[in-house]
Amino acid sequence: MISVEMKTIIINLQPQQVITKDNVTLKIDTVVYFRTVDPYKLVYKLGTNIKEIRTFIAEMAYNALRTVAGEHTFQEFLEIRGKLADAL
């Protein structure tokens, strides 16, 4: 039997430099909240090593952050900050 943590886990990521659509470099602090919904899929796809799972989640968050930043200009970051947070 394998135990899987089902509570919400918080990961405070290192500040990430991203480039906006208009080539402005931003340094963004990120916090990720995640929880396991399907323990079977978690173990089957990612294994049981919590460090590897956290690394995977962090890399996915960094990737999403860079993708969203590249689709918007700096001015849009200032104007629609809440919508961008929801998109991430």
N, C-alpha and C. Protein backbone atom coordinates (compact mmCIF):
# COMPACT_ATOMS: atom_id res chain seq x y z
N MET A 1 0.84 -1.18 0.00
CA MET A 1 0.00 0.00 0.00
C MET A 1 0.89 1.24 0.00
N ILE A 2 0.51 2.21 -0.80
CA ILE A 2 1.25 3.46 -0.92
C ILE A 2 0.41 4.59 -0.37
N SER A 3 0.99 5.40 0.51
CA SER A 3 0.23 6.53 1.05
C SER A 3 0.45 7.76 0.17
N VAL A 4 -0.62 8.49 -0.07
CA VAL A 4 -0.58 9.69 -0.89
C VAL A 4 -1.20 10.82 -0.09
N GLU A 5 -0.49 11.94 -0.04
CA GLU A 5 -0.98 13.11 0.68
C GLU A 5 -2.10 13.78 -0.12
N MET A 6 -3.25 13.95 0.50
CA MET A 6 -4.42 14.49 -0.20
C MET A 6 -4.72 15.95 0.16
N LYS A 7 -3.97 16.51 1.10
CA LYS A 7 -4.24 17.91 1.47
C LYS A 7 -3.57 18.86 0.48
N THR A 8 -3.97 20.12 0.54
CA THR A 8 -3.42 21.13 -0.36
C THR A 8 -1.96 21.41 0.03
N ILE A 9 -1.10 21.43 -0.98
CA ILE A 9 0.32 21.67 -0.78
C ILE A 9 0.67 23.01 -1.42
N ILE A 10 1.49 23.79 -0.74
CA ILE A 10 1.89 25.10 -1.22
C ILE A 10 3.37 25.06 -1.58
N ILE A 11 3.69 25.54 -2.79
CA ILE A 11 5.09 25.63 -3.21
C ILE A 11 5.38 27.09 -3.52
N ASN A 12 6.34 27.67 -2.82
CA ASN A 12 6.77 29.04 -3.08
C ASN A 12 7.95 28.96 -4.04
N LEU A 13 7.73 29.33 -5.30
CA LEU A 13 8.75 29.21 -6.34
C LEU A 13 9.70 30.40 -6.31
N GLN A 14 10.88 30.19 -6.84
CA GLN A 14 11.86 31.25 -6.96
C GLN A 14 11.36 32.30 -7.96
N PRO A 15 11.69 33.57 -7.76
CA PRO A 15 11.30 34.59 -8.74
C PRO A 15 11.81 34.21 -10.13
N GLN A 16 10.95 34.37 -11.11
CA GLN A 16 11.25 33.96 -12.48
C GLN A 16 11.28 35.18 -13.38
N GLN A 17 12.31 35.29 -14.23
CA GLN A 17 12.33 36.36 -15.21
C GLN A 17 11.63 35.88 -16.47
N VAL A 18 10.68 36.68 -16.94
CA VAL A 18 9.92 36.35 -18.14
C VAL A 18 9.97 37.55 -19.08
N ILE A 19 9.76 37.27 -20.37
CA ILE A 19 9.77 38.31 -21.38
C ILE A 19 8.37 38.46 -21.93
N THR A 20 7.86 39.69 -21.93
CA THR A 20 6.52 39.96 -22.43
C THR A 20 6.52 40.04 -23.95
N LYS A 21 5.34 40.19 -24.51
CA LYS A 21 5.17 40.28 -25.96
C LYS A 21 5.93 41.45 -26.56
N ASP A 22 6.05 42.55 -25.79
CA ASP A 22 6.77 43.73 -26.28
C ASP A 22 8.22 43.77 -25.78
N ASN A 23 8.78 42.61 -25.45
CA ASN A 23 10.18 42.43 -25.06
C ASN A 23 10.61 43.17 -23.80
N VAL A 24 9.72 43.26 -22.85
CA VAL A 24 10.05 43.82 -21.54
C VAL A 24 10.30 42.64 -20.61
N THR A 25 11.38 42.70 -19.86
CA THR A 25 11.71 41.63 -18.93
C THR A 25 11.09 41.93 -17.57
N LEU A 26 10.33 40.98 -17.05
CA LEU A 26 9.71 41.10 -15.73
C LEU A 26 10.25 40.02 -14.81
N LYS A 27 10.32 40.33 -13.55
CA LYS A 27 10.69 39.34 -12.53
C LYS A 27 9.43 39.09 -11.70
N ILE A 28 8.93 37.86 -11.75
CA ILE A 28 7.64 37.55 -11.13
C ILE A 28 7.82 36.50 -10.04
N ASP A 29 7.27 36.81 -8.85
CA ASP A 29 7.22 35.84 -7.75
C ASP A 29 5.98 34.98 -7.93
N THR A 30 6.10 33.70 -7.65
CA THR A 30 4.98 32.79 -7.88
C THR A 30 4.80 31.86 -6.70
N VAL A 31 3.53 31.62 -6.36
CA VAL A 31 3.17 30.63 -5.36
C VAL A 31 2.18 29.67 -6.02
N VAL A 32 2.41 28.38 -5.85
CA VAL A 32 1.55 27.36 -6.46
C VAL A 32 0.86 26.57 -5.36
N TYR A 33 -0.45 26.43 -5.50
CA TYR A 33 -1.24 25.59 -4.60
C TYR A 33 -1.71 24.40 -5.42
N PHE A 34 -1.51 23.18 -4.91
CA PHE A 34 -2.04 22.03 -5.62
C PHE A 34 -2.44 20.95 -4.61
N ARG A 35 -3.34 20.10 -5.07
CA ARG A 35 -3.74 18.96 -4.26
C ARG A 35 -4.02 17.79 -5.17
N THR A 36 -3.92 16.61 -4.63
CA THR A 36 -4.16 15.38 -5.39
C THR A 36 -5.65 15.11 -5.47
N VAL A 37 -6.14 14.95 -6.68
CA VAL A 37 -7.54 14.63 -6.89
C VAL A 37 -7.71 13.14 -7.11
N ASP A 38 -6.81 12.55 -7.89
CA ASP A 38 -6.86 11.12 -8.19
C ASP A 38 -5.52 10.48 -7.82
N PRO A 39 -5.42 9.86 -6.63
CA PRO A 39 -4.14 9.31 -6.19
C PRO A 39 -3.61 8.21 -7.11
N TYR A 40 -4.50 7.45 -7.72
CA TYR A 40 -4.07 6.38 -8.62
C TYR A 40 -3.30 6.97 -9.81
N LYS A 41 -3.83 8.02 -10.42
CA LYS A 41 -3.16 8.66 -11.55
C LYS A 41 -1.84 9.29 -11.13
N LEU A 42 -1.82 9.90 -9.96
CA LEU A 42 -0.60 10.51 -9.46
C LEU A 42 0.52 9.49 -9.34
N VAL A 43 0.24 8.38 -8.70
CA VAL A 43 1.26 7.36 -8.49
C VAL A 43 1.63 6.70 -9.82
N TYR A 44 0.65 6.45 -10.66
CA TYR A 44 0.89 5.78 -11.93
C TYR A 44 1.72 6.64 -12.88
N LYS A 45 1.44 7.95 -12.93
CA LYS A 45 2.12 8.83 -13.87
C LYS A 45 3.38 9.48 -13.33
N LEU A 46 3.40 9.82 -12.03
CA LEU A 46 4.53 10.57 -11.48
C LEU A 46 5.32 9.81 -10.42
N GLY A 47 4.79 8.73 -9.90
CA GLY A 47 5.50 7.99 -8.87
C GLY A 47 5.15 8.47 -7.47
N THR A 48 5.96 8.08 -6.52
CA THR A 48 5.69 8.41 -5.12
C THR A 48 6.69 9.38 -4.51
N ASN A 49 7.74 9.72 -5.22
CA ASN A 49 8.76 10.62 -4.69
C ASN A 49 8.22 12.05 -4.69
N ILE A 50 7.99 12.60 -3.52
CA ILE A 50 7.38 13.93 -3.39
C ILE A 50 8.27 15.03 -3.98
N LYS A 51 9.60 14.86 -3.91
CA LYS A 51 10.50 15.85 -4.49
C LYS A 51 10.35 15.89 -6.01
N GLU A 52 10.22 14.73 -6.64
CA GLU A 52 10.03 14.68 -8.09
C GLU A 52 8.68 15.28 -8.49
N ILE A 53 7.66 15.01 -7.69
CA ILE A 53 6.33 15.56 -7.97
C ILE A 53 6.35 17.08 -7.85
N ARG A 54 6.98 17.60 -6.81
CA ARG A 54 7.08 19.05 -6.63
C ARG A 54 7.88 19.69 -7.75
N THR A 55 8.95 19.02 -8.19
CA THR A 55 9.75 19.53 -9.30
C THR A 55 8.92 19.58 -10.58
N PHE A 56 8.14 18.54 -10.83
CA PHE A 56 7.27 18.50 -12.00
C PHE A 56 6.25 19.63 -11.96
N ILE A 57 5.61 19.83 -10.82
CA ILE A 57 4.62 20.90 -10.67
C ILE A 57 5.27 22.27 -10.87
N ALA A 58 6.47 22.45 -10.30
CA ALA A 58 7.18 23.73 -10.45
C ALA A 58 7.52 24.00 -11.91
N GLU A 59 8.00 23.00 -12.63
CA GLU A 59 8.33 23.19 -14.04
C GLU A 59 7.10 23.50 -14.86
N MET A 60 5.98 22.88 -14.55
CA MET A 60 4.73 23.17 -15.25
C MET A 60 4.30 24.62 -14.97
N ALA A 61 4.47 25.07 -13.73
CA ALA A 61 4.10 26.44 -13.37
C ALA A 61 4.99 27.45 -14.09
N TYR A 62 6.31 27.18 -14.13
CA TYR A 62 7.22 28.08 -14.84
C TYR A 62 6.87 28.15 -16.32
N ASN A 63 6.56 27.00 -16.90
CA ASN A 63 6.19 26.96 -18.31
C ASN A 63 4.92 27.77 -18.58
N ALA A 64 3.92 27.60 -17.74
CA ALA A 64 2.67 28.36 -17.90
C ALA A 64 2.92 29.85 -17.72
N LEU A 65 3.76 30.21 -16.78
CA LEU A 65 4.09 31.62 -16.53
C LEU A 65 4.75 32.25 -17.75
N ARG A 66 5.73 31.55 -18.34
CA ARG A 66 6.40 32.08 -19.53
C ARG A 66 5.45 32.17 -20.72
N THR A 67 4.57 31.19 -20.86
CA THR A 67 3.61 31.19 -21.97
C THR A 67 2.65 32.37 -21.87
N VAL A 68 2.08 32.56 -20.69
CA VAL A 68 1.13 33.66 -20.50
C VAL A 68 1.84 35.01 -20.64
N ALA A 69 3.05 35.13 -20.12
CA ALA A 69 3.78 36.39 -20.23
C ALA A 69 4.10 36.72 -21.68
N GLY A 70 4.44 35.72 -22.47
CA GLY A 70 4.77 35.94 -23.87
C GLY A 70 3.59 36.34 -24.73
N GLU A 71 2.39 36.11 -24.25
CA GLU A 71 1.19 36.44 -25.01
C GLU A 71 0.66 37.84 -24.73
N HIS A 72 1.23 38.53 -23.73
CA HIS A 72 0.70 39.84 -23.33
C HIS A 72 1.82 40.87 -23.24
N THR A 73 1.43 42.12 -23.41
CA THR A 73 2.39 43.22 -23.28
C THR A 73 2.50 43.64 -21.81
N PHE A 74 3.51 44.47 -21.54
CA PHE A 74 3.70 44.97 -20.18
C PHE A 74 2.49 45.78 -19.72
N GLN A 75 1.95 46.59 -20.61
CA GLN A 75 0.78 47.40 -20.28
C GLN A 75 -0.40 46.51 -19.90
N GLU A 76 -0.59 45.41 -20.63
CA GLU A 76 -1.67 44.47 -20.30
C GLU A 76 -1.46 43.84 -18.93
N PHE A 77 -0.20 43.57 -18.58
CA PHE A 77 0.08 43.05 -17.25
C PHE A 77 -0.41 44.00 -16.17
N LEU A 78 -0.21 45.29 -16.40
CA LEU A 78 -0.63 46.28 -15.42
C LEU A 78 -2.15 46.43 -15.38
N GLU A 79 -2.80 46.34 -16.54
CA GLU A 79 -4.23 46.60 -16.63
C GLU A 79 -5.10 45.41 -16.23
N ILE A 80 -4.73 44.22 -16.65
CA ILE A 80 -5.59 43.04 -16.43
C ILE A 80 -4.89 42.01 -15.54
N ARG A 81 -4.31 42.46 -14.50
CA ARG A 81 -3.54 41.62 -13.59
C ARG A 81 -4.38 40.45 -13.04
N GLY A 82 -5.61 40.71 -12.66
CA GLY A 82 -6.48 39.67 -12.10
C GLY A 82 -6.81 38.60 -13.11
N LYS A 83 -7.09 39.01 -14.35
CA LYS A 83 -7.40 38.04 -15.40
C LYS A 83 -6.19 37.16 -15.72
N LEU A 84 -5.01 37.76 -15.70
CA LEU A 84 -3.79 36.97 -15.94
C LEU A 84 -3.56 35.96 -14.82
N ALA A 85 -3.83 36.36 -13.59
CA ALA A 85 -3.68 35.43 -12.46
C ALA A 85 -4.65 34.26 -12.61
N ASP A 86 -5.87 34.55 -13.08
CA ASP A 86 -6.84 33.47 -13.31
C ASP A 86 -6.39 32.56 -14.44
N ALA A 87 -5.80 33.14 -15.48
CA ALA A 87 -5.32 32.34 -16.63
C ALA A 87 -4.23 31.38 -16.20
N LEU A 88 -3.40 31.82 -15.28
CA LEU A 88 -2.33 30.94 -14.81
C LEU A 88 -2.89 29.85 -13.92
